[in-house]
Amino acid sequence: MIMQSILSFFLSLLAVFLPLIILIFLRGPLKVVAYSFSPLLQLIFAVLSYKSYPVFYNKYSIWEWTLFYSTIISASLVLFSILITSVISGIRNILYQSTSNTKAERLRLLLYLFYFITMPHLVFSLIYAFWGLVSKADNITIFRINLF
């Protein structure tokens, strides 16, 4: 019981504050990649926190909704900051820098395109599944398979 509560507390802190932890402690290209995928990781940590100690969240429903909304707000802020900074850096590259290495620029553009096409769908599906867990809707969750 104590280990469940400690694990749930630790995972819920990671779910909300993961982008700040990444920005403070990581350096180099690993920081960029980890920050880019932190919304997915935040939602996964929030679901794991909820699943690790469901008795607590069912007894005190204010905590499950607090975890849900704080994770959603934090992940949305990260996605918006990534979107804004990539648009600004893309405009700067187009306006002020010459494109001498066109293969690298095309590859970078394809990676950005892939990221911005797939990431919102993945995040929305996890938000939807997490909402299904919190609201106790049996037919919305992807974490339990219903055959009938």
N, C-alpha and C. Protein backbone atom coordinates (compact mmCIF):
# COMPACT_ATOMS: atom_id res chain seq x y z
N MET A 1 0.82 -1.19 0.00
CA MET A 1 0.00 0.00 0.00
C MET A 1 0.86 1.25 0.00
N ILE A 2 1.90 1.26 0.82
CA ILE A 2 2.79 2.43 0.87
C ILE A 2 3.60 2.51 -0.41
N MET A 3 4.06 1.38 -0.92
CA MET A 3 4.83 1.38 -2.17
C MET A 3 3.96 1.82 -3.34
N GLN A 4 2.70 1.43 -3.33
CA GLN A 4 1.79 1.86 -4.38
C GLN A 4 1.59 3.37 -4.36
N SER A 5 1.44 3.93 -3.17
CA SER A 5 1.23 5.36 -3.07
C SER A 5 2.49 6.14 -3.46
N ILE A 6 3.67 5.63 -3.08
CA ILE A 6 4.92 6.30 -3.46
C ILE A 6 5.11 6.22 -4.97
N LEU A 7 4.86 5.06 -5.56
CA LEU A 7 4.99 4.91 -7.00
C LEU A 7 4.00 5.79 -7.75
N SER A 8 2.78 5.83 -7.28
CA SER A 8 1.77 6.67 -7.92
C SER A 8 2.12 8.14 -7.81
N PHE A 9 2.60 8.57 -6.66
CA PHE A 9 3.00 9.97 -6.48
C PHE A 9 4.16 10.33 -7.39
N PHE A 10 5.17 9.45 -7.48
CA PHE A 10 6.33 9.70 -8.32
C PHE A 10 5.93 9.76 -9.80
N LEU A 11 5.09 8.84 -10.23
CA LEU A 11 4.63 8.84 -11.62
C LEU A 11 3.76 10.04 -11.95
N SER A 12 2.94 10.48 -10.99
CA SER A 12 2.12 11.66 -11.25
C SER A 12 2.97 12.93 -11.32
N LEU A 13 4.04 13.00 -10.52
CA LEU A 13 4.97 14.13 -10.65
C LEU A 13 5.67 14.12 -11.99
N LEU A 14 6.08 12.94 -12.45
CA LEU A 14 6.69 12.84 -13.77
C LEU A 14 5.69 13.21 -14.87
N ALA A 15 4.44 12.84 -14.68
CA ALA A 15 3.42 13.15 -15.69
C ALA A 15 3.24 14.65 -15.86
N VAL A 16 3.34 15.39 -14.80
CA VAL A 16 3.08 16.82 -14.89
C VAL A 16 4.37 17.61 -15.18
N PHE A 17 5.46 17.24 -14.55
CA PHE A 17 6.68 18.06 -14.62
C PHE A 17 7.79 17.49 -15.50
N LEU A 18 7.51 16.52 -16.34
CA LEU A 18 8.53 15.93 -17.20
C LEU A 18 9.20 16.94 -18.13
N PRO A 19 8.47 17.85 -18.78
CA PRO A 19 9.16 18.81 -19.65
C PRO A 19 10.15 19.70 -18.91
N LEU A 20 9.80 20.11 -17.71
CA LEU A 20 10.73 20.92 -16.93
C LEU A 20 11.97 20.12 -16.53
N ILE A 21 11.78 18.87 -16.18
CA ILE A 21 12.91 18.02 -15.83
C ILE A 21 13.83 17.84 -17.03
N ILE A 22 13.24 17.65 -18.20
CA ILE A 22 14.03 17.49 -19.42
C ILE A 22 14.80 18.77 -19.72
N LEU A 23 14.13 19.91 -19.62
CA LEU A 23 14.80 21.18 -19.92
C LEU A 23 15.93 21.49 -18.95
N ILE A 24 15.79 21.10 -17.71
CA ILE A 24 16.80 21.43 -16.71
C ILE A 24 17.98 20.47 -16.75
N PHE A 25 17.72 19.17 -16.87
CA PHE A 25 18.78 18.19 -16.65
C PHE A 25 19.42 17.62 -17.91
N LEU A 26 18.76 17.65 -19.04
CA LEU A 26 19.35 17.05 -20.25
C LEU A 26 20.04 18.10 -21.10
N ARG A 27 21.02 17.67 -21.88
CA ARG A 27 21.78 18.55 -22.76
C ARG A 27 21.92 17.90 -24.13
N GLY A 28 22.16 18.71 -25.14
CA GLY A 28 22.47 18.23 -26.48
C GLY A 28 21.27 17.77 -27.26
N PRO A 29 21.51 16.92 -28.25
CA PRO A 29 20.40 16.46 -29.11
C PRO A 29 19.40 15.56 -28.38
N LEU A 30 19.85 14.91 -27.31
CA LEU A 30 18.92 14.09 -26.53
C LEU A 30 17.83 14.96 -25.89
N LYS A 31 18.18 16.17 -25.53
CA LYS A 31 17.22 17.10 -24.94
C LYS A 31 16.11 17.44 -25.93
N VAL A 32 16.48 17.68 -27.18
CA VAL A 32 15.48 18.03 -28.20
C VAL A 32 14.54 16.87 -28.47
N VAL A 33 15.10 15.68 -28.60
CA VAL A 33 14.28 14.50 -28.89
C VAL A 33 13.37 14.18 -27.70
N ALA A 34 13.91 14.21 -26.50
CA ALA A 34 13.11 13.90 -25.31
C ALA A 34 12.02 14.94 -25.10
N TYR A 35 12.33 16.21 -25.34
CA TYR A 35 11.32 17.26 -25.18
C TYR A 35 10.23 17.13 -26.24
N SER A 36 10.60 16.70 -27.44
CA SER A 36 9.61 16.54 -28.51
C SER A 36 8.62 15.42 -28.21
N PHE A 37 9.09 14.37 -27.57
CA PHE A 37 8.19 13.25 -27.27
C PHE A 37 7.69 13.26 -25.83
N SER A 38 7.93 14.34 -25.11
CA SER A 38 7.48 14.40 -23.72
C SER A 38 5.96 14.41 -23.56
N PRO A 39 5.15 14.99 -24.48
CA PRO A 39 3.70 14.86 -24.28
C PRO A 39 3.21 13.42 -24.26
N LEU A 40 3.77 12.58 -25.12
CA LEU A 40 3.39 11.16 -25.09
C LEU A 40 3.82 10.51 -23.79
N LEU A 41 5.05 10.80 -23.37
CA LEU A 41 5.54 10.23 -22.13
C LEU A 41 4.76 10.72 -20.92
N GLN A 42 4.36 11.98 -20.94
CA GLN A 42 3.56 12.51 -19.83
C GLN A 42 2.25 11.76 -19.70
N LEU A 43 1.57 11.54 -20.81
CA LEU A 43 0.29 10.83 -20.75
C LEU A 43 0.47 9.37 -20.35
N ILE A 44 1.55 8.77 -20.79
CA ILE A 44 1.82 7.39 -20.38
C ILE A 44 2.09 7.32 -18.88
N PHE A 45 2.88 8.27 -18.36
CA PHE A 45 3.14 8.30 -16.92
C PHE A 45 1.86 8.57 -16.12
N ALA A 46 0.97 9.41 -16.65
CA ALA A 46 -0.28 9.69 -15.95
C ALA A 46 -1.16 8.44 -15.89
N VAL A 47 -1.22 7.70 -16.98
CA VAL A 47 -2.01 6.46 -16.99
C VAL A 47 -1.40 5.43 -16.05
N LEU A 48 -0.06 5.32 -16.07
CA LEU A 48 0.60 4.39 -15.16
C LEU A 48 0.39 4.78 -13.70
N SER A 49 0.38 6.08 -13.43
CA SER A 49 0.11 6.54 -12.07
C SER A 49 -1.30 6.16 -11.64
N TYR A 50 -2.24 6.35 -12.53
CA TYR A 50 -3.63 6.01 -12.22
C TYR A 50 -3.79 4.51 -12.03
N LYS A 51 -3.13 3.73 -12.89
CA LYS A 51 -3.26 2.28 -12.82
C LYS A 51 -2.50 1.67 -11.64
N SER A 52 -1.45 2.36 -11.16
CA SER A 52 -0.65 1.78 -10.08
C SER A 52 -1.38 1.82 -8.73
N TYR A 53 -2.27 2.78 -8.55
CA TYR A 53 -2.99 2.87 -7.28
C TYR A 53 -4.42 3.34 -7.52
N PRO A 54 -5.25 2.54 -8.18
CA PRO A 54 -6.60 2.98 -8.53
C PRO A 54 -7.53 3.13 -7.34
N VAL A 55 -7.22 2.47 -6.23
CA VAL A 55 -8.08 2.59 -5.04
C VAL A 55 -8.07 4.03 -4.52
N PHE A 56 -6.89 4.64 -4.52
CA PHE A 56 -6.77 6.02 -4.06
C PHE A 56 -7.54 6.96 -4.98
N TYR A 57 -7.37 6.79 -6.28
CA TYR A 57 -8.03 7.68 -7.22
C TYR A 57 -9.54 7.47 -7.26
N ASN A 58 -10.00 6.26 -6.98
CA ASN A 58 -11.44 6.03 -6.93
C ASN A 58 -12.05 6.59 -5.65
N LYS A 59 -11.28 6.57 -4.56
CA LYS A 59 -11.78 7.08 -3.29
C LYS A 59 -11.79 8.61 -3.27
N TYR A 60 -10.73 9.22 -3.79
CA TYR A 60 -10.63 10.68 -3.85
C TYR A 60 -10.63 11.12 -5.30
N SER A 61 -11.82 11.31 -5.84
CA SER A 61 -11.93 11.58 -7.27
C SER A 61 -11.37 12.94 -7.67
N ILE A 62 -11.22 13.87 -6.73
CA ILE A 62 -10.65 15.17 -7.07
C ILE A 62 -9.21 15.03 -7.53
N TRP A 63 -8.50 14.03 -6.99
CA TRP A 63 -7.10 13.84 -7.39
C TRP A 63 -6.98 13.28 -8.79
N GLU A 64 -7.91 12.41 -9.20
CA GLU A 64 -7.83 11.88 -10.56
C GLU A 64 -8.10 12.97 -11.59
N TRP A 65 -9.05 13.85 -11.30
CA TRP A 65 -9.32 14.94 -12.23
C TRP A 65 -8.21 15.98 -12.22
N THR A 66 -7.60 16.21 -11.06
CA THR A 66 -6.46 17.13 -10.98
C THR A 66 -5.29 16.59 -11.80
N LEU A 67 -5.01 15.30 -11.66
CA LEU A 67 -3.96 14.68 -12.45
C LEU A 67 -4.27 14.76 -13.94
N PHE A 68 -5.51 14.49 -14.29
CA PHE A 68 -5.92 14.52 -15.69
C PHE A 68 -5.74 15.91 -16.29
N TYR A 69 -6.31 16.91 -15.66
CA TYR A 69 -6.25 18.26 -16.23
C TYR A 69 -4.86 18.87 -16.18
N SER A 70 -4.10 18.62 -15.14
CA SER A 70 -2.75 19.17 -15.10
C SER A 70 -1.84 18.52 -16.14
N THR A 71 -2.02 17.23 -16.38
CA THR A 71 -1.25 16.56 -17.43
C THR A 71 -1.64 17.07 -18.81
N ILE A 72 -2.92 17.26 -19.04
CA ILE A 72 -3.39 17.77 -20.33
C ILE A 72 -2.87 19.18 -20.57
N ILE A 73 -2.92 20.03 -19.58
CA ILE A 73 -2.43 21.40 -19.73
C ILE A 73 -0.93 21.41 -19.98
N SER A 74 -0.19 20.63 -19.25
CA SER A 74 1.26 20.59 -19.42
C SER A 74 1.64 20.05 -20.80
N ALA A 75 1.00 18.97 -21.23
CA ALA A 75 1.31 18.41 -22.55
C ALA A 75 0.91 19.37 -23.67
N SER A 76 -0.20 20.06 -23.51
CA SER A 76 -0.62 21.04 -24.52
C SER A 76 0.35 22.20 -24.61
N LEU A 77 0.83 22.68 -23.48
CA LEU A 77 1.82 23.77 -23.50
C LEU A 77 3.10 23.35 -24.21
N VAL A 78 3.52 22.11 -23.99
CA VAL A 78 4.72 21.61 -24.67
C VAL A 78 4.48 21.53 -26.16
N LEU A 79 3.34 21.00 -26.59
CA LEU A 79 3.05 20.91 -28.02
C LEU A 79 2.98 22.29 -28.66
N PHE A 80 2.36 23.25 -27.98
CA PHE A 80 2.28 24.60 -28.53
C PHE A 80 3.66 25.26 -28.60
N SER A 81 4.48 25.04 -27.60
CA SER A 81 5.83 25.63 -27.65
C SER A 81 6.67 25.01 -28.75
N ILE A 82 6.54 23.71 -28.97
CA ILE A 82 7.26 23.06 -30.06
C ILE A 82 6.78 23.60 -31.40
N LEU A 83 5.48 23.75 -31.55
CA LEU A 83 4.92 24.26 -32.79
C LEU A 83 5.40 25.67 -33.06
N ILE A 84 5.35 26.54 -32.08
CA ILE A 84 5.74 27.93 -32.27
C ILE A 84 7.23 28.06 -32.55
N THR A 85 8.07 27.35 -31.80
CA THR A 85 9.52 27.46 -32.03
C THR A 85 9.93 26.86 -33.37
N SER A 86 9.28 25.77 -33.81
CA SER A 86 9.64 25.22 -35.12
C SER A 86 9.21 26.13 -36.25
N VAL A 87 8.07 26.76 -36.12
CA VAL A 87 7.63 27.69 -37.16
C VAL A 87 8.57 28.89 -37.22
N ILE A 88 8.94 29.43 -36.09
CA ILE A 88 9.85 30.58 -36.06
C ILE A 88 11.22 30.20 -36.62
N SER A 89 11.76 29.06 -36.23
CA SER A 89 13.07 28.66 -36.75
C SER A 89 13.00 28.33 -38.23
N GLY A 90 11.89 27.78 -38.69
CA GLY A 90 11.73 27.51 -40.12
C GLY A 90 11.68 28.79 -40.93
N ILE A 91 10.97 29.79 -40.43
CA ILE A 91 10.91 31.08 -41.13
C ILE A 91 12.27 31.74 -41.14
N ARG A 92 13.00 31.65 -40.04
CA ARG A 92 14.36 32.22 -40.01
C ARG A 92 15.28 31.52 -40.99
N ASN A 93 15.18 30.20 -41.07
CA ASN A 93 16.01 29.47 -42.03
C ASN A 93 15.70 29.85 -43.47
N ILE A 94 14.43 30.03 -43.76
CA ILE A 94 14.05 30.39 -45.13
C ILE A 94 14.50 31.81 -45.46
N LEU A 95 14.32 32.74 -44.54
CA LEU A 95 14.62 34.13 -44.83
C LEU A 95 16.10 34.49 -44.76
N TYR A 96 16.82 33.94 -43.79
CA TYR A 96 18.15 34.46 -43.51
C TYR A 96 19.31 33.53 -43.83
N GLN A 97 19.07 32.26 -44.05
CA GLN A 97 20.17 31.34 -44.29
C GLN A 97 20.07 30.75 -45.69
N SER A 98 21.21 30.55 -46.29
CA SER A 98 21.22 29.92 -47.60
C SER A 98 21.13 28.40 -47.42
N THR A 99 20.49 27.77 -48.35
CA THR A 99 20.32 26.32 -48.28
C THR A 99 21.36 25.66 -49.17
N SER A 100 22.55 25.52 -48.66
CA SER A 100 23.61 24.89 -49.45
C SER A 100 23.49 23.37 -49.44
N ASN A 101 22.98 22.81 -48.37
CA ASN A 101 22.83 21.37 -48.26
C ASN A 101 21.35 21.02 -48.39
N THR A 102 20.90 20.83 -49.61
CA THR A 102 19.47 20.63 -49.84
C THR A 102 18.98 19.27 -49.35
N LYS A 103 19.84 18.23 -49.36
CA LYS A 103 19.41 16.91 -48.88
C LYS A 103 19.12 16.96 -47.38
N ALA A 104 19.96 17.63 -46.65
CA ALA A 104 19.73 17.74 -45.20
C ALA A 104 18.48 18.56 -44.91
N GLU A 105 18.26 19.60 -45.68
CA GLU A 105 17.06 20.42 -45.48
C GLU A 105 15.80 19.65 -45.82
N ARG A 106 15.85 18.85 -46.86
CA ARG A 106 14.67 18.04 -47.23
C ARG A 106 14.39 16.97 -46.18
N LEU A 107 15.44 16.34 -45.69
CA LEU A 107 15.26 15.34 -44.65
C LEU A 107 14.69 15.96 -43.38
N ARG A 108 15.19 17.12 -43.02
CA ARG A 108 14.68 17.83 -41.85
C ARG A 108 13.21 18.20 -42.04
N LEU A 109 12.86 18.66 -43.23
CA LEU A 109 11.47 19.01 -43.52
C LEU A 109 10.57 17.78 -43.45
N LEU A 110 11.03 16.64 -43.96
CA LEU A 110 10.25 15.41 -43.88
C LEU A 110 10.06 14.95 -42.43
N LEU A 111 11.10 15.08 -41.61
CA LEU A 111 10.97 14.70 -40.21
C LEU A 111 9.99 15.62 -39.47
N TYR A 112 10.06 16.92 -39.74
CA TYR A 112 9.09 17.85 -39.14
C TYR A 112 7.67 17.52 -39.60
N LEU A 113 7.52 17.24 -40.87
CA LEU A 113 6.20 16.92 -41.39
C LEU A 113 5.65 15.65 -40.75
N PHE A 114 6.48 14.62 -40.65
CA PHE A 114 6.07 13.37 -40.00
C PHE A 114 5.69 13.62 -38.55
N TYR A 115 6.48 14.43 -37.84
CA TYR A 115 6.20 14.72 -36.43
C TYR A 115 4.87 15.44 -36.29
N PHE A 116 4.63 16.47 -37.09
CA PHE A 116 3.42 17.26 -36.93
C PHE A 116 2.18 16.57 -37.47
N ILE A 117 2.35 15.55 -38.29
CA ILE A 117 1.19 14.78 -38.74
C ILE A 117 0.82 13.70 -37.73
N THR A 118 1.81 13.03 -37.15
CA THR A 118 1.52 11.91 -36.26
C THR A 118 1.34 12.28 -34.80
N MET A 119 2.07 13.25 -34.30
CA MET A 119 2.06 13.54 -32.86
C MET A 119 0.68 13.96 -32.34
N PRO A 120 -0.06 14.86 -32.99
CA PRO A 120 -1.38 15.20 -32.43
C PRO A 120 -2.33 14.02 -32.34
N HIS A 121 -2.27 13.11 -33.30
CA HIS A 121 -3.15 11.95 -33.27
C HIS A 121 -2.80 11.01 -32.12
N LEU A 122 -1.51 10.80 -31.91
CA LEU A 122 -1.08 9.94 -30.81
C LEU A 122 -1.45 10.55 -29.46
N VAL A 123 -1.22 11.84 -29.32
CA VAL A 123 -1.54 12.50 -28.06
C VAL A 123 -3.04 12.50 -27.82
N PHE A 124 -3.83 12.78 -28.85
CA PHE A 124 -5.28 12.79 -28.69
C PHE A 124 -5.80 11.41 -28.32
N SER A 125 -5.25 10.37 -28.92
CA SER A 125 -5.73 9.02 -28.59
C SER A 125 -5.41 8.67 -27.14
N LEU A 126 -4.23 9.06 -26.67
CA LEU A 126 -3.92 8.80 -25.26
C LEU A 126 -4.77 9.66 -24.32
N ILE A 127 -5.05 10.90 -24.70
CA ILE A 127 -5.93 11.74 -23.89
C ILE A 127 -7.32 11.11 -23.81
N TYR A 128 -7.81 10.63 -24.93
CA TYR A 128 -9.12 10.00 -24.98
C TYR A 128 -9.17 8.75 -24.11
N ALA A 129 -8.12 7.93 -24.18
CA ALA A 129 -8.07 6.72 -23.37
C ALA A 129 -7.93 7.05 -21.89
N PHE A 130 -7.14 8.05 -21.57
CA PHE A 130 -6.97 8.48 -20.18
C PHE A 130 -8.28 9.03 -19.63
N TRP A 131 -9.02 9.78 -20.44
CA TRP A 131 -10.32 10.28 -20.01
C TRP A 131 -11.28 9.12 -19.78
N GLY A 132 -11.18 8.09 -20.60
CA GLY A 132 -12.01 6.90 -20.40
C GLY A 132 -11.71 6.20 -19.09
N LEU A 133 -10.44 6.20 -18.69
CA LEU A 133 -10.08 5.61 -17.40
C LEU A 133 -10.61 6.45 -16.25
N VAL A 134 -10.41 7.75 -16.33
CA VAL A 134 -10.80 8.63 -15.23
C VAL A 134 -12.32 8.68 -15.08
N SER A 135 -13.03 8.72 -16.19
CA SER A 135 -14.49 8.81 -16.10
C SER A 135 -15.16 7.45 -15.95
N LYS A 136 -14.34 6.39 -15.89
CA LYS A 136 -14.82 5.03 -15.69
C LYS A 136 -15.78 4.56 -16.79
N ALA A 137 -15.52 4.99 -18.01
CA ALA A 137 -16.30 4.54 -19.16
C ALA A 137 -15.66 3.27 -19.70
N ASP A 138 -16.39 2.18 -19.70
CA ASP A 138 -15.82 0.89 -20.08
C ASP A 138 -15.54 0.77 -21.57
N ASN A 139 -16.31 1.46 -22.39
CA ASN A 139 -16.16 1.27 -23.83
C ASN A 139 -15.18 2.25 -24.47
N ILE A 140 -14.53 3.11 -23.70
CA ILE A 140 -13.63 4.11 -24.27
C ILE A 140 -12.16 3.74 -24.08
N THR A 141 -11.85 2.89 -23.18
CA THR A 141 -10.45 2.64 -22.85
C THR A 141 -9.77 1.69 -23.84
N ILE A 142 -8.47 1.88 -24.04
CA ILE A 142 -7.69 0.97 -24.86
C ILE A 142 -6.82 0.07 -23.97
N PHE A 143 -6.93 0.22 -22.68
CA PHE A 143 -6.07 -0.51 -21.77
C PHE A 143 -6.68 -1.80 -21.26
N ARG A 144 -7.91 -2.08 -21.63
CA ARG A 144 -8.55 -3.33 -21.28
C ARG A 144 -9.33 -3.78 -22.51
N ILE A 145 -9.15 -4.99 -22.92
CA ILE A 145 -9.79 -5.49 -24.14
C ILE A 145 -11.15 -6.06 -23.77
N ASN A 146 -12.18 -5.56 -24.43
CA ASN A 146 -13.54 -6.08 -24.26
C ASN A 146 -13.89 -6.89 -25.49
N LEU A 147 -14.12 -8.17 -25.29
CA LEU A 147 -14.44 -9.03 -26.43
C LEU A 147 -15.94 -9.03 -26.74
N PHE A 148 -16.76 -8.86 -25.74
CA PHE A 148 -18.21 -8.89 -25.95
C PHE A 148 -18.83 -7.64 -25.43
